[in-house]
Amino acid sequence: MERNIGVVYIIHRDGIPLLTVGLSGSSMSSIPSFDELFGGFISAVNTLIQQLGHRELRSISVEDGLLVYSFRDPVIFVAYTNDTDSERFANYLVRQVEYEFFQEFGDVIRDEDIFVRPDLFRPFRLTVINLYEQMEQIERQFPRVLDFLPEFVPLHYIYMITNLGTDMTKSFPEGTIAAIRRLPLYFGEATDVQHLVAQTLGRYLGSHVAVDRLGDFVVTPEDTLRLLNEISVCRYDRDREFFDIPICPECRGITADEPLCYFFLGFIEGAIGNPSVEVKETACRARGDKTCRFQLTRTERRV
């Protein structure tokens, strides 16, 4: 599916345009004279949202499309799309741009002399275009990948998730335990990232295996139990709505202060595939509990 993201704006919170990057031929990308006016408008809206007590604005609907935002002080990132179905893609794009921008300019962005150096950010234009093209390529290869990703994960980890997810789907269930046990080798001390990737991989695998085995039917907790039992011994308490994995391959031999079986957490989320059902690990053998327990909680449907 081709995404029509017309332009990305990078704007200082004071309304000063830092960079405008045209992407897919939108007419907006050929009107640089609007930069200062647009920058002032975006800055004013961002300030208003914060004064109203909100952390940040996510998007604004305009007559012919959407303005999708990300804000990391002191910079505002905006993507314009005339395709409302591309909002999630645009949101991921601006967060990737934000991440790479601060990787490159985080040490200088608060210097006062950046405003008299208009050429400072110009080379970053190629980075934005490259990010856009890479994300389009990933989505073409893995059309549903954005459905499984958290709010943000760096692009190189998205490649890892899609590649590992594909391999794990092909080798399920025989290769699943070995793949889970290998995950720490990729991350070293970056445990937060490891947990994020593990949960996303679990979602990806759970969803794909459920569709492969059960088709497009609604997946019940009992269906999910049968899938889990292909990986490890598991039981489901229907009355109290939790799964127990007493012999958990994810945390075997590990000691921790908090539950850490993020892969199984994500697997249950992905298999059930219902955004109104939240899953939380409430007990974990890694912290001395007798079992790894995953509690289901039914909430109002999240939008």
Foldseek 3Di string as FASTA:
>chain_A
DDFAFAKKWKEFLCLHTQDIAGAHPDPVSVCCVCRSVVSNVVSVVQVVCVVVPHPGDAWDADDQFIWGWDDDPGMIMTITGSDNVCSLVRLALSVLLVVVCCVVCVVPPPPPCSSVVSCPCVVCNVVSNVSSVLSVVLCVVPVCLSVLADSYDHPVLSVVLVVLLVVPLVCPPPCVLVSLVCLCVVPPPPLVNSLRSLLSSLLSNLQVVLCVVPNPDQFDVVNLQVSVVSRADWDADPVQGKIWGQDDSNQVPAADQDARNSNPLNNSCNNNVAQQWHKDFPDHVNHPDRTTMIHIDGHPRDD
